[in-house]
Amino acid sequence: MIAKQWIWALGIAGSLTMTGATAAEGLVTVTPIGGQDGEFCARDRALVFEDPNGTRILYDAGRTVAGPDDPRLGNIDIVLVSHVHGDHVGDQHIPAANAGSCASADSSVDAMPNSNSVNIAVKKGAKMVTGSDMPAFFANKMQAAGGDSSDSVLVRFGGLVTMGGVEITTVPATHSNGLGAGFITGPLAEYLKGSGLSASVGPPTGYVLKFTNGLVVYLSGDTGITAEQELVVKDYYGANLAVINIGNTFTTGPNEAAYVINELVQPKSVIASHANEVATKDGKVVTGTKTEAFIKATNVPVHVPLSGVTMSFDGEASCTKGCS
């Protein structure tokens, strides 16, 4: 587990990449934790990143991580949440891997009012690193779940936090970030339910992570096309691996996501995410899917996140193992 201490730093104007050394030894592994082993399914969101030094980061646990005791998780040092919608923070979750189907995971375990992400962070003794106005909300939830409120760590746009050797910052995303009434107790919850409204915890975010081997990863969160994808993610931070949502309606669709990759972020490779479809069968991309359309429209290698299949990346974002 990483140490309790963390280091705050600010971005320095004029720098084109995140701070620290250039590419070093070792590989970053990325393991999807989805609804069905070996497939990319409709509700799949969660990814676990492991730095060469052993620091493990869970991104958007959602509904397909079977709670904090899911054996696929292993140790988790840091939990990231792009926004508080139930399919990302985890309002419910599956009871075990492969519950339900690829089209509809059996997410019958209620994780409210704390959320799957909070329950995992508290059980694992992990930090939750979020931006916007989310840290105060998560601090209260962590304390209510028996954890330490100080384990909820803030990093807003333009700031930087280094934890377990990994540099983490948040970047803008264009989406909503309404908190469902089920996460709130007392009269306010009843008022929100009665009016059909949700509570605001500030704007949603994406993330940029720099690992100790030099790999810089852009996690888009739920977003549309933004100017910051070029000016901030590419020009300032120099992301060379992207994870981008392709599901359409709620986020960038396959063609919009391909534009972001080809023209704005321009990474060396990309992992598809949040397709909201049965994207694969027997581990192969299904013809006519949004995932197939994204692959065809994108100029760099597209890696499909098959649940339980670990991908390995060097500091230049080349996949050395496990990529489809």
C-alpha atoms as a PDB file:
ATOM      1  CA  MET A   1       0.000   0.000   0.000  1.00  0.00           C
ATOM      2  CA  ILE A   2       1.161   3.506  -0.664  1.00  0.00           C
ATOM      3  CA  ALA A   3       2.178   5.796   2.163  1.00  0.00           C
ATOM      4  CA  LYS A   4      -0.338   8.157   3.748  1.00  0.00           C
ATOM      5  CA  GLN A   5       1.656  11.199   2.715  1.00  0.00           C
ATOM      6  CA  TRP A   6       1.243  12.823  -0.647  1.00  0.00           C
ATOM      7  CA  ILE A   7       2.946  15.684  -2.463  1.00  0.00           C
ATOM      8  CA  TRP A   8       1.092  18.609  -3.988  1.00  0.00           C
ATOM      9  CA  ALA A   9       2.561  20.504  -6.913  1.00  0.00           C
ATOM     10  CA  LEU A  10       1.319  23.015  -9.455  1.00  0.00           C
ATOM     11  CA  GLY A  11       1.720  22.875 -13.208  1.00  0.00           C
ATOM     12  CA  ILE A  12       4.431  25.253 -14.429  1.00  0.00           C
ATOM     13  CA  ALA A  13       3.639  27.461 -17.406  1.00  0.00           C
ATOM     14  CA  GLY A  14       5.724  26.695 -20.452  1.00  0.00           C
ATOM     15  CA  SER A  15       6.187  23.001 -19.716  1.00  0.00           C
ATOM     16  CA  LEU A  16       4.806  20.693 -22.394  1.00  0.00           C
ATOM     17  CA  THR A  17       4.685  17.494 -20.337  1.00  0.00           C
ATOM     18  CA  MET A  18       3.981  16.406 -16.800  1.00  0.00           C
ATOM     19  CA  THR A  19       6.897  16.715 -14.409  1.00  0.00           C
ATOM     20  CA  GLY A  20       9.438  14.031 -13.651  1.00  0.00           C
ATOM     21  CA  ALA A  21      11.868  11.908 -15.596  1.00  0.00           C
ATOM     22  CA  THR A  22      11.375  10.756 -19.144  1.00  0.00           C
ATOM     23  CA  ALA A  23      10.752   7.116 -20.077  1.00  0.00           C
ATOM     24  CA  ALA A  24      12.189   4.634 -17.606  1.00  0.00           C
ATOM     25  CA  GLU A  25      12.255   0.883 -17.153  1.00  0.00           C
ATOM     26  CA  GLY A  26       9.151  -1.202 -16.646  1.00  0.00           C
ATOM     27  CA  LEU A  27       5.643  -1.682 -18.001  1.00  0.00           C
ATOM     28  CA  VAL A  28       2.289  -0.283 -16.926  1.00  0.00           C
ATOM     29  CA  THR A  29      -0.436  -2.930 -16.896  1.00  0.00           C
ATOM     30  CA  VAL A  30      -4.113  -2.206 -17.547  1.00  0.00           C
ATOM     31  CA  THR A  31      -6.705  -4.783 -16.505  1.00  0.00           C
ATOM     32  CA  PRO A  32     -10.398  -4.288 -17.376  1.00  0.00           C
ATOM     33  CA  ILE A  33     -12.878  -5.561 -14.778  1.00  0.00           C
ATOM     34  CA  GLY A  34     -16.074  -6.103 -16.727  1.00  0.00           C
ATOM     35  CA  GLY A  35     -19.249  -8.123 -16.549  1.00  0.00           C
ATOM     36  CA  GLN A  36     -18.183 -11.187 -18.529  1.00  0.00           C
ATOM     37  CA  ASP A  37     -14.719 -12.754 -18.663  1.00  0.00           C
ATOM     38  CA  GLY A  38     -12.941 -12.184 -21.963  1.00  0.00           C
ATOM     39  CA  GLU A  39     -15.566  -9.809 -23.370  1.00  0.00           C
ATOM     40  CA  PHE A  40     -16.236  -6.061 -23.762  1.00  0.00           C
ATOM     41  CA  CYS A  41     -19.817  -5.631 -22.564  1.00  0.00           C
ATOM     42  CA  ALA A  42     -22.515  -3.003 -22.291  1.00  0.00           C
ATOM     43  CA  ARG A  43     -21.893  -1.835 -18.730  1.00  0.00           C
ATOM     44  CA  ASP A  44     -18.112  -2.206 -18.645  1.00  0.00           C
ATOM     45  CA  ARG A  45     -16.277   0.840 -17.304  1.00  0.00           C
ATOM     46  CA  ALA A  46     -13.700  -0.265 -14.711  1.00  0.00           C
ATOM     47  CA  LEU A  47      -9.964  -0.406 -15.366  1.00  0.00           C
ATOM     48  CA  VAL A  48      -7.107  -1.174 -12.958  1.00  0.00           C
ATOM     49  CA  PHE A  49      -3.731   0.410 -13.770  1.00  0.00           C
ATOM     50  CA  GLU A  50      -0.562  -0.877 -12.128  1.00  0.00           C
ATOM     51  CA  ASP A  51       2.640   1.154 -12.177  1.00  0.00           C
ATOM     52  CA  PRO A  52       5.990  -0.671 -12.472  1.00  0.00           C
ATOM     53  CA  ASN A  53       6.551   0.199  -8.809  1.00  0.00           C
ATOM     54  CA  GLY A  54       3.395  -1.693  -7.785  1.00  0.00           C
ATOM     55  CA  THR A  55       0.994   1.230  -7.201  1.00  0.00           C
ATOM     56  CA  ARG A  56      -2.490   0.136  -8.280  1.00  0.00           C
ATOM     57  CA  ILE A  57      -5.189   2.559  -9.424  1.00  0.00           C
ATOM     58  CA  LEU A  58      -8.882   1.757  -9.952  1.00  0.00           C
ATOM     59  CA  TYR A  59     -10.674   3.999 -12.452  1.00  0.00           C
ATOM     60  CA  ASP A  60     -14.502   4.274 -12.459  1.00  0.00           C
ATOM     61  CA  ALA A  61     -15.448   1.068 -10.630  1.00  0.00           C
ATOM     62  CA  GLY A  62     -19.045   1.314 -11.842  1.00  0.00           C
ATOM     63  CA  ARG A  63     -21.339  -1.689 -11.610  1.00  0.00           C
ATOM     64  CA  THR A  64     -19.136  -4.541 -12.870  1.00  0.00           C
ATOM     65  CA  VAL A  65     -16.735  -4.691  -9.931  1.00  0.00           C
ATOM     66  CA  ALA A  66     -18.327  -7.105  -7.450  1.00  0.00           C
ATOM     67  CA  GLY A  67     -17.755  -4.867  -4.434  1.00  0.00           C
ATOM     68  CA  PRO A  68     -14.585  -4.547  -2.352  1.00  0.00           C
ATOM     69  CA  ASP A  69     -14.193  -8.325  -2.020  1.00  0.00           C
ATOM     70  CA  ASP A  70     -14.074  -8.945  -5.766  1.00  0.00           C
ATOM     71  CA  PRO A  71     -10.981 -11.174  -6.105  1.00  0.00           C
ATOM     72  CA  ARG A  72     -10.155  -9.559  -9.451  1.00  0.00           C
ATOM     73  CA  LEU A  73      -9.297  -6.270  -7.714  1.00  0.00           C
ATOM     74  CA  GLY A  74      -6.253  -7.291  -5.707  1.00  0.00           C
ATOM     75  CA  ASN A  75      -4.684  -4.458  -3.738  1.00  0.00           C
ATOM     76  CA  ILE A  76      -5.940  -0.996  -4.634  1.00  0.00           C
ATOM     77  CA  ASP A  77      -4.009   2.104  -3.573  1.00  0.00           C
ATOM     78  CA  ILE A  78      -5.936   4.854  -5.370  1.00  0.00           C
ATOM     79  CA  VAL A  79      -9.556   5.121  -6.537  1.00  0.00           C
ATOM     80  CA  LEU A  80     -10.482   7.592  -9.280  1.00  0.00           C
ATOM     81  CA  VAL A  81     -14.053   8.675 -10.096  1.00  0.00           C
ATOM     82  CA  SER A  82     -14.665  10.853 -13.149  1.00  0.00           C
ATOM     83  CA  HIS A  83     -18.213  11.776 -12.082  1.00  0.00           C
ATOM     84  CA  VAL A  84     -20.986  10.565  -9.799  1.00  0.00           C
ATOM     85  CA  HIS A  85     -23.406   8.962 -12.240  1.00  0.00           C
ATOM     86  CA  GLY A  86     -24.342   5.495 -11.044  1.00  0.00           C
ATOM     87  CA  ASP A  87     -22.672   3.638 -13.906  1.00  0.00           C
ATOM     88  CA  HIS A  88     -19.310   5.193 -12.953  1.00  0.00           C
ATOM     89  CA  VAL A  89     -19.300   5.661  -9.181  1.00  0.00           C
ATOM     90  CA  GLY A  90     -21.335   2.476  -8.704  1.00  0.00           C
ATOM     91  CA  ASP A  91     -24.852   2.841  -7.339  1.00  0.00           C
ATOM     92  CA  GLN A  92     -25.162  -0.955  -7.556  1.00  0.00           C
ATOM     93  CA  HIS A  93     -22.930  -3.814  -8.624  1.00  0.00           C
ATOM     94  CA  ILE A  94     -22.833  -7.423  -9.698  1.00  0.00           C
ATOM     95  CA  PRO A  95     -22.712 -10.107  -6.971  1.00  0.00           C
ATOM     96  CA  ALA A  96     -19.897 -11.947  -8.759  1.00  0.00           C
ATOM     97  CA  ALA A  97     -18.060 -12.016 -12.063  1.00  0.00           C
ATOM     98  CA  ASN A  98     -20.176 -13.235 -15.004  1.00  0.00           C
ATOM     99  CA  ALA A  99     -23.494 -12.583 -13.261  1.00  0.00           C
ATOM    100  CA  GLY A 100     -26.149 -11.794 -15.844  1.00  0.00           C
ATOM    101  CA  SER A 101     -25.271 -11.420 -19.503  1.00  0.00           C
ATOM    102  CA  CYS A 102     -23.012  -9.275 -21.656  1.00  0.00           C
ATOM    103  CA  ALA A 103     -26.036  -7.225 -22.707  1.00  0.00           C
ATOM    104  CA  SER A 104     -27.301  -6.784 -19.139  1.00  0.00           C
ATOM    105  CA  ALA A 105     -25.079  -7.445 -16.143  1.00  0.00           C
ATOM    106  CA  ASP A 106     -26.911  -8.625 -13.021  1.00  0.00           C
ATOM    107  CA  SER A 107     -26.077  -5.553 -10.950  1.00  0.00           C
ATOM    108  CA  SER A 108     -28.540  -6.459  -8.217  1.00  0.00           C
ATOM    109  CA  VAL A 109     -26.395  -5.558  -5.187  1.00  0.00           C
ATOM    110  CA  ASP A 110     -27.360  -2.118  -3.856  1.00  0.00           C
ATOM    111  CA  ALA A 111     -24.279   0.016  -3.058  1.00  0.00           C
ATOM    112  CA  MET A 112     -26.111   3.145  -1.940  1.00  0.00           C
ATOM    113  CA  PRO A 113     -25.887   5.441  -0.125  1.00  0.00           C
ATOM    114  CA  ASN A 114     -22.070   5.116  -0.059  1.00  0.00           C
ATOM    115  CA  SER A 115     -21.359   3.768  -3.601  1.00  0.00           C
ATOM    116  CA  ASN A 116     -19.266   0.899  -4.877  1.00  0.00           C
ATOM    117  CA  SER A 117     -16.238   3.212  -5.249  1.00  0.00           C
ATOM    118  CA  VAL A 118     -16.372   4.415  -1.646  1.00  0.00           C
ATOM    119  CA  ASN A 119     -16.889   0.923  -0.258  1.00  0.00           C
ATOM    120  CA  ILE A 120     -13.882  -0.336  -2.233  1.00  0.00           C
ATOM    121  CA  ALA A 121     -11.677   2.586  -1.160  1.00  0.00           C
ATOM    122  CA  VAL A 122     -12.527   2.131   2.524  1.00  0.00           C
ATOM    123  CA  LYS A 123     -12.083  -1.660   2.519  1.00  0.00           C
ATOM    124  CA  LYS A 124      -8.783  -1.409   0.623  1.00  0.00           C
ATOM    125  CA  GLY A 125      -7.443   1.529   2.664  1.00  0.00           C
ATOM    126  CA  ALA A 126      -7.076   3.496  -0.579  1.00  0.00           C
ATOM    127  CA  LYS A 127      -7.087   7.197  -1.337  1.00  0.00           C
ATOM    128  CA  MET A 128      -9.908   8.624  -3.436  1.00  0.00           C
ATOM    129  CA  VAL A 129      -8.535  11.305  -5.769  1.00  0.00           C
ATOM    130  CA  THR A 130     -11.166  13.486  -7.432  1.00  0.00           C
ATOM    131  CA  GLY A 131     -11.605  17.025  -8.666  1.00  0.00           C
ATOM    132  CA  SER A 132     -14.356  19.626  -8.889  1.00  0.00           C
ATOM    133  CA  ASP A 133     -16.521  19.661  -5.716  1.00  0.00           C
ATOM    134  CA  MET A 134     -16.533  15.885  -5.345  1.00  0.00           C
ATOM    135  CA  PRO A 135     -13.848  15.439  -2.622  1.00  0.00           C
ATOM    136  CA  ALA A 136     -15.971  16.888   0.191  1.00  0.00           C
ATOM    137  CA  PHE A 137     -18.861  14.627  -0.761  1.00  0.00           C
ATOM    138  CA  PHE A 138     -16.605  11.561  -0.853  1.00  0.00           C
ATOM    139  CA  ALA A 139     -14.929  12.541   2.428  1.00  0.00           C
ATOM    140  CA  ASN A 140     -18.310  12.390   4.180  1.00  0.00           C
ATOM    141  CA  LYS A 141     -19.150   9.090   2.510  1.00  0.00           C
ATOM    142  CA  MET A 142     -15.801   7.544   3.468  1.00  0.00           C
ATOM    143  CA  GLN A 143     -16.263   8.568   7.078  1.00  0.00           C
ATOM    144  CA  ALA A 144     -19.810   7.178   7.110  1.00  0.00           C
ATOM    145  CA  ALA A 145     -18.469   3.877   5.754  1.00  0.00           C
ATOM    146  CA  GLY A 146     -15.938   3.606   8.573  1.00  0.00           C
ATOM    147  CA  GLY A 147     -12.986   5.113   6.742  1.00  0.00           C
ATOM    148  CA  ASP A 148     -10.886   8.247   7.135  1.00  0.00           C
ATOM    149  CA  SER A 149     -12.306  11.414   5.574  1.00  0.00           C
ATOM    150  CA  SER A 150      -8.761  12.689   4.949  1.00  0.00           C
ATOM    151  CA  ASP A 151      -8.319   9.864   2.429  1.00  0.00           C
ATOM    152  CA  SER A 152     -10.495  11.853   0.036  1.00  0.00           C
ATOM    153  CA  VAL A 153      -7.967  13.980  -1.869  1.00  0.00           C
ATOM    154  CA  LEU A 154      -8.644  17.028  -4.039  1.00  0.00           C
ATOM    155  CA  VAL A 155      -6.902  17.794  -7.326  1.00  0.00           C
ATOM    156  CA  ARG A 156      -8.594  20.451  -9.446  1.00  0.00           C
ATOM    157  CA  PHE A 157      -7.827  21.614 -12.992  1.00  0.00           C
ATOM    158  CA  GLY A 158      -4.285  22.987 -13.216  1.00  0.00           C
ATOM    159  CA  GLY A 159      -3.101  21.259 -10.057  1.00  0.00           C
ATOM    160  CA  LEU A 160      -1.121  18.085  -9.617  1.00  0.00           C
ATOM    161  CA  VAL A 161      -0.842  15.448  -6.920  1.00  0.00           C
ATOM    162  CA  THR A 162       1.837  12.737  -6.806  1.00  0.00           C
ATOM    163  CA  MET A 163       0.834   9.537  -5.032  1.00  0.00           C
ATOM    164  CA  GLY A 164       2.717   6.271  -5.023  1.00  0.00           C
ATOM    165  CA  GLY A 165       5.054   7.727  -7.648  1.00  0.00           C
ATOM    166  CA  VAL A 166       2.196   8.412 -10.104  1.00  0.00           C
ATOM    167  CA  GLU A 167       1.357  12.006 -11.069  1.00  0.00           C
ATOM    168  CA  ILE A 168      -2.379  12.699 -11.225  1.00  0.00           C
ATOM    169  CA  THR A 169      -4.319  15.700 -12.455  1.00  0.00           C
ATOM    170  CA  THR A 170      -7.900  16.346 -13.546  1.00  0.00           C
ATOM    171  CA  VAL A 171      -8.918  17.908 -16.854  1.00  0.00           C
ATOM    172  CA  PRO A 172     -12.260  19.276 -18.081  1.00  0.00           C
ATOM    173  CA  ALA A 173     -15.003  17.032 -19.421  1.00  0.00           C
ATOM    174  CA  THR A 174     -18.269  18.150 -21.016  1.00  0.00           C
ATOM    175  CA  HIS A 175     -21.036  16.137 -19.407  1.00  0.00           C
ATOM    176  CA  SER A 176     -23.361  16.401 -16.403  1.00  0.00           C
ATOM    177  CA  ASN A 177     -22.496  15.436 -12.838  1.00  0.00           C
ATOM    178  CA  GLY A 178     -25.807  15.165 -11.057  1.00  0.00           C
ATOM    179  CA  LEU A 179     -25.893  13.137  -7.853  1.00  0.00           C
ATOM    180  CA  GLY A 180     -28.906  10.851  -7.611  1.00  0.00           C
ATOM    181  CA  ALA A 181     -31.212  11.281  -4.616  1.00  0.00           C
ATOM    182  CA  GLY A 182     -30.431   7.727  -3.468  1.00  0.00           C
ATOM    183  CA  PHE A 183     -26.953   8.867  -2.390  1.00  0.00           C
ATOM    184  CA  ILE A 184     -28.487  11.484  -0.085  1.00  0.00           C
ATOM    185  CA  THR A 185     -30.412  11.008   3.147  1.00  0.00           C
ATOM    186  CA  GLY A 186     -32.904  13.212   4.982  1.00  0.00           C
ATOM    187  CA  PRO A 187     -35.360  15.846   3.734  1.00  0.00           C
ATOM    188  CA  LEU A 188     -33.150  16.979   0.856  1.00  0.00           C
ATOM    189  CA  ALA A 189     -33.387  13.528  -0.714  1.00  0.00           C
ATOM    190  CA  GLU A 190     -37.175  13.676  -0.574  1.00  0.00           C
ATOM    191  CA  TYR A 191     -37.228  17.173  -2.099  1.00  0.00           C
ATOM    192  CA  LEU A 192     -34.976  16.056  -4.941  1.00  0.00           C
ATOM    193  CA  LYS A 193     -37.000  12.922  -5.650  1.00  0.00           C
ATOM    194  CA  GLY A 194     -40.236  14.882  -5.595  1.00  0.00           C
ATOM    195  CA  SER A 195     -38.967  17.500  -8.021  1.00  0.00           C
ATOM    196  CA  GLY A 196     -37.142  15.148 -10.368  1.00  0.00           C
ATOM    197  CA  LEU A 197     -33.826  16.891  -9.714  1.00  0.00           C
ATOM    198  CA  SER A 198     -30.345  15.762  -8.730  1.00  0.00           C
ATOM    199  CA  ALA A 199     -27.760  17.460  -6.522  1.00  0.00           C
ATOM    200  CA  SER A 200     -24.689  19.066  -8.076  1.00  0.00           C
ATOM    201  CA  VAL A 201     -21.154  18.183  -7.019  1.00  0.00           C
ATOM    202  CA  GLY A 202     -19.534  20.487  -9.556  1.00  0.00           C
ATOM    203  CA  PRO A 203     -18.475  19.731 -13.138  1.00  0.00           C
ATOM    204  CA  PRO A 204     -17.365  16.255 -14.241  1.00  0.00           C
ATOM    205  CA  THR A 205     -13.708  15.583 -14.975  1.00  0.00           C
ATOM    206  CA  GLY A 206     -11.271  13.504 -16.921  1.00  0.00           C
ATOM    207  CA  TYR A 207      -7.787  12.606 -15.682  1.00  0.00           C
ATOM    208  CA  VAL A 208      -4.211  12.625 -16.912  1.00  0.00           C
ATOM    209  CA  LEU A 209      -1.837  10.175 -15.213  1.00  0.00           C
ATOM    210  CA  LYS A 210       1.936   9.978 -15.605  1.00  0.00           C
ATOM    211  CA  PHE A 211       3.497   6.689 -14.566  1.00  0.00           C
ATOM    212  CA  THR A 212       7.076   6.090 -13.507  1.00  0.00           C
ATOM    213  CA  ASN A 213       8.035   4.507 -16.865  1.00  0.00           C
ATOM    214  CA  GLY A 214       7.071   7.758 -18.633  1.00  0.00           C
ATOM    215  CA  LEU A 215       3.657   6.621 -19.930  1.00  0.00           C
ATOM    216  CA  VAL A 216       1.130   9.483 -19.891  1.00  0.00           C
ATOM    217  CA  VAL A 217      -2.512   8.380 -19.978  1.00  0.00           C
ATOM    218  CA  TYR A 218      -5.600  10.480 -20.721  1.00  0.00           C
ATOM    219  CA  LEU A 219      -8.804   9.158 -19.122  1.00  0.00           C
ATOM    220  CA  SER A 220     -11.623  11.013 -20.832  1.00  0.00           C
ATOM    221  CA  GLY A 221     -14.423  10.358 -18.372  1.00  0.00           C
ATOM    222  CA  ASP A 222     -17.821  10.958 -19.973  1.00  0.00           C
ATOM    223  CA  THR A 223     -17.247  13.824 -22.385  1.00  0.00           C
ATOM    224  CA  GLY A 224     -17.888  15.391 -25.728  1.00  0.00           C
ATOM    225  CA  ILE A 225     -15.298  17.140 -27.887  1.00  0.00           C
ATOM    226  CA  THR A 226     -13.430  19.887 -26.032  1.00  0.00           C
ATOM    227  CA  ALA A 227     -10.701  22.361 -26.948  1.00  0.00           C
ATOM    228  CA  GLU A 228      -8.761  21.217 -23.869  1.00  0.00           C
ATOM    229  CA  GLN A 229      -8.209  17.823 -25.457  1.00  0.00           C
ATOM    230  CA  GLU A 230      -5.679  19.496 -27.740  1.00  0.00           C
ATOM    231  CA  LEU A 231      -4.490  22.490 -25.716  1.00  0.00           C
ATOM    232  CA  VAL A 232      -4.183  20.759 -22.350  1.00  0.00           C
ATOM    233  CA  VAL A 233      -4.112  16.981 -22.839  1.00  0.00           C
ATOM    234  CA  LYS A 234      -1.858  16.942 -25.918  1.00  0.00           C
ATOM    235  CA  ASP A 235       0.071  20.222 -25.908  1.00  0.00           C
ATOM    236  CA  TYR A 236       0.707  20.553 -22.172  1.00  0.00           C
ATOM    237  CA  TYR A 237       0.650  17.033 -20.729  1.00  0.00           C
ATOM    238  CA  GLY A 238       1.691  15.087 -23.826  1.00  0.00           C
ATOM    239  CA  ALA A 239      -0.613  12.099 -23.335  1.00  0.00           C
ATOM    240  CA  ASN A 240       0.513   9.133 -25.429  1.00  0.00           C
ATOM    241  CA  LEU A 241      -2.200   6.630 -24.407  1.00  0.00           C
ATOM    242  CA  ALA A 242      -5.899   7.537 -24.257  1.00  0.00           C
ATOM    243  CA  VAL A 243      -8.959   5.832 -22.810  1.00  0.00           C
ATOM    244  CA  ILE A 244     -12.007   7.351 -24.496  1.00  0.00           C
ATOM    245  CA  ASN A 245     -15.736   6.775 -24.345  1.00  0.00           C
ATOM    246  CA  ILE A 246     -17.403   5.856 -27.647  1.00  0.00           C
ATOM    247  CA  GLY A 247     -21.009   5.161 -26.644  1.00  0.00           C
ATOM    248  CA  ASN A 248     -22.797   8.101 -28.326  1.00  0.00           C
ATOM    249  CA  THR A 249     -25.868   9.978 -26.956  1.00  0.00           C
ATOM    250  CA  PHE A 250     -24.312  10.427 -23.509  1.00  0.00           C
ATOM    251  CA  THR A 251     -20.696  10.883 -24.663  1.00  0.00           C
ATOM    252  CA  THR A 252     -18.646  11.067 -27.831  1.00  0.00           C
ATOM    253  CA  GLY A 253     -19.830   8.527 -30.387  1.00  0.00           C
ATOM    254  CA  PRO A 254     -17.402   6.459 -32.444  1.00  0.00           C
ATOM    255  CA  ASN A 255     -16.840   9.127 -35.103  1.00  0.00           C
ATOM    256  CA  GLU A 256     -16.528  11.982 -32.615  1.00  0.00           C
ATOM    257  CA  ALA A 257     -14.167   9.924 -30.475  1.00  0.00           C
ATOM    258  CA  ALA A 258     -12.076   9.116 -33.547  1.00  0.00           C
ATOM    259  CA  TYR A 259     -11.822  12.849 -34.292  1.00  0.00           C
ATOM    260  CA  VAL A 260     -10.615  13.485 -30.739  1.00  0.00           C
ATOM    261  CA  ILE A 261      -7.941  10.820 -31.132  1.00  0.00           C
ATOM    262  CA  ASN A 262      -6.868  11.618 -34.703  1.00  0.00           C
ATOM    263  CA  GLU A 263      -6.924  15.422 -34.578  1.00  0.00           C
ATOM    264  CA  LEU A 264      -6.815  16.608 -30.961  1.00  0.00           C
ATOM    265  CA  VAL A 265      -5.105  14.271 -28.474  1.00  0.00           C
ATOM    266  CA  GLN A 266      -3.052  12.384 -31.090  1.00  0.00           C
ATOM    267  CA  PRO A 267      -1.819   9.613 -28.759  1.00  0.00           C
ATOM    268  CA  LYS A 268       0.242   6.648 -29.878  1.00  0.00           C
ATOM    269  CA  SER A 269      -2.594   4.238 -29.026  1.00  0.00           C
ATOM    270  CA  VAL A 270      -6.072   4.200 -27.494  1.00  0.00           C
ATOM    271  CA  ILE A 271      -8.291   1.936 -25.392  1.00  0.00           C
ATOM    272  CA  ALA A 272     -12.000   2.032 -26.276  1.00  0.00           C
ATOM    273  CA  SER A 273     -14.378   2.507 -23.342  1.00  0.00           C
ATOM    274  CA  HIS A 274     -18.042   2.952 -22.424  1.00  0.00           C
ATOM    275  CA  ALA A 275     -19.442   1.522 -25.666  1.00  0.00           C
ATOM    276  CA  ASN A 276     -22.853   0.699 -24.142  1.00  0.00           C
ATOM    277  CA  GLU A 277     -23.191  -2.375 -26.337  1.00  0.00           C
ATOM    278  CA  VAL A 278     -22.278  -6.027 -26.646  1.00  0.00           C
ATOM    279  CA  ALA A 279     -19.053  -5.147 -28.418  1.00  0.00           C
ATOM    280  CA  THR A 280     -17.471  -8.599 -28.616  1.00  0.00           C
ATOM    281  CA  LYS A 281     -18.371 -12.261 -28.885  1.00  0.00           C
ATOM    282  CA  ASP A 282     -15.766 -14.854 -27.935  1.00  0.00           C
ATOM    283  CA  GLY A 283     -13.348 -11.952 -27.567  1.00  0.00           C
ATOM    284  CA  LYS A 284     -13.771 -10.755 -31.159  1.00  0.00           C
ATOM    285  CA  VAL A 285     -15.332  -7.426 -32.135  1.00  0.00           C
ATOM    286  CA  VAL A 286     -18.890  -7.841 -33.426  1.00  0.00           C
ATOM    287  CA  THR A 287     -19.563  -6.588 -36.955  1.00  0.00           C
ATOM    288  CA  GLY A 288     -21.696  -3.448 -37.126  1.00  0.00           C
ATOM    289  CA  THR A 289     -20.953  -2.269 -33.587  1.00  0.00           C
ATOM    290  CA  LYS A 290     -19.864   1.192 -32.494  1.00  0.00           C
ATOM    291  CA  THR A 291     -16.614  -0.417 -31.392  1.00  0.00           C
ATOM    292  CA  GLU A 292     -15.939  -1.640 -34.922  1.00  0.00           C
ATOM    293  CA  ALA A 293     -16.814   1.809 -36.335  1.00  0.00           C
ATOM    294  CA  PHE A 294     -14.387   3.465 -33.925  1.00  0.00           C
ATOM    295  CA  ILE A 295     -11.586   1.084 -34.836  1.00  0.00           C
ATOM    296  CA  LYS A 296     -12.107   1.718 -38.548  1.00  0.00           C
ATOM    297  CA  ALA A 297     -12.198   5.515 -38.108  1.00  0.00           C
ATOM    298  CA  THR A 298      -9.117   5.788 -35.873  1.00  0.00           C
ATOM    299  CA  ASN A 299      -5.581   6.248 -37.201  1.00  0.00           C
ATOM    300  CA  VAL A 300      -3.719   4.704 -34.248  1.00  0.00           C
ATOM    301  CA  PRO A 301      -3.943   1.205 -32.732  1.00  0.00           C
ATOM    302  CA  VAL A 302      -7.227   0.673 -30.870  1.00  0.00           C
ATOM    303  CA  HIS A 303      -7.169  -1.820 -28.009  1.00  0.00           C
ATOM    304  CA  VAL A 304     -10.427  -3.450 -26.916  1.00  0.00           C
ATOM    305  CA  PRO A 305     -10.711  -3.885 -23.108  1.00  0.00           C
ATOM    306  CA  LEU A 306     -11.623  -7.541 -22.637  1.00  0.00           C
ATOM    307  CA  SER A 307     -12.531  -8.242 -19.028  1.00  0.00           C
ATOM    308  CA  GLY A 308      -9.737  -9.946 -17.126  1.00  0.00           C
ATOM    309  CA  VAL A 309      -7.239  -9.702 -19.995  1.00  0.00           C
ATOM    310  CA  THR A 310      -4.268  -7.627 -18.834  1.00  0.00           C
ATOM    311  CA  MET A 311      -2.597  -5.283 -21.320  1.00  0.00           C
ATOM    312  CA  SER A 312       0.982  -4.081 -20.842  1.00  0.00           C
ATOM    313  CA  PHE A 313       2.330  -0.736 -22.097  1.00  0.00           C
ATOM    314  CA  ASP A 314       5.823   0.675 -22.247  1.00  0.00           C
ATOM    315  CA  GLY A 315       6.605   4.357 -21.739  1.00  0.00           C
ATOM    316  CA  GLU A 316       5.919   5.099 -25.416  1.00  0.00           C
ATOM    317  CA  ALA A 317       2.401   3.610 -25.234  1.00  0.00           C
ATOM    318  CA  SER A 318       3.271   0.539 -27.264  1.00  0.00           C
ATOM    319  CA  CYS A 319       1.328  -2.513 -26.151  1.00  0.00           C
ATOM    320  CA  THR A 320       3.733  -5.360 -25.486  1.00  0.00           C
ATOM    321  CA  LYS A 321       1.265  -8.004 -24.299  1.00  0.00           C
ATOM    322  CA  GLY A 322      -2.457  -8.744 -24.006  1.00  0.00           C
ATOM    323  CA  CYS A 323      -3.843  -6.302 -26.560  1.00  0.00           C
ATOM    324  CA  SER A 324      -6.515  -7.323 -29.028  1.00  0.00           C
END
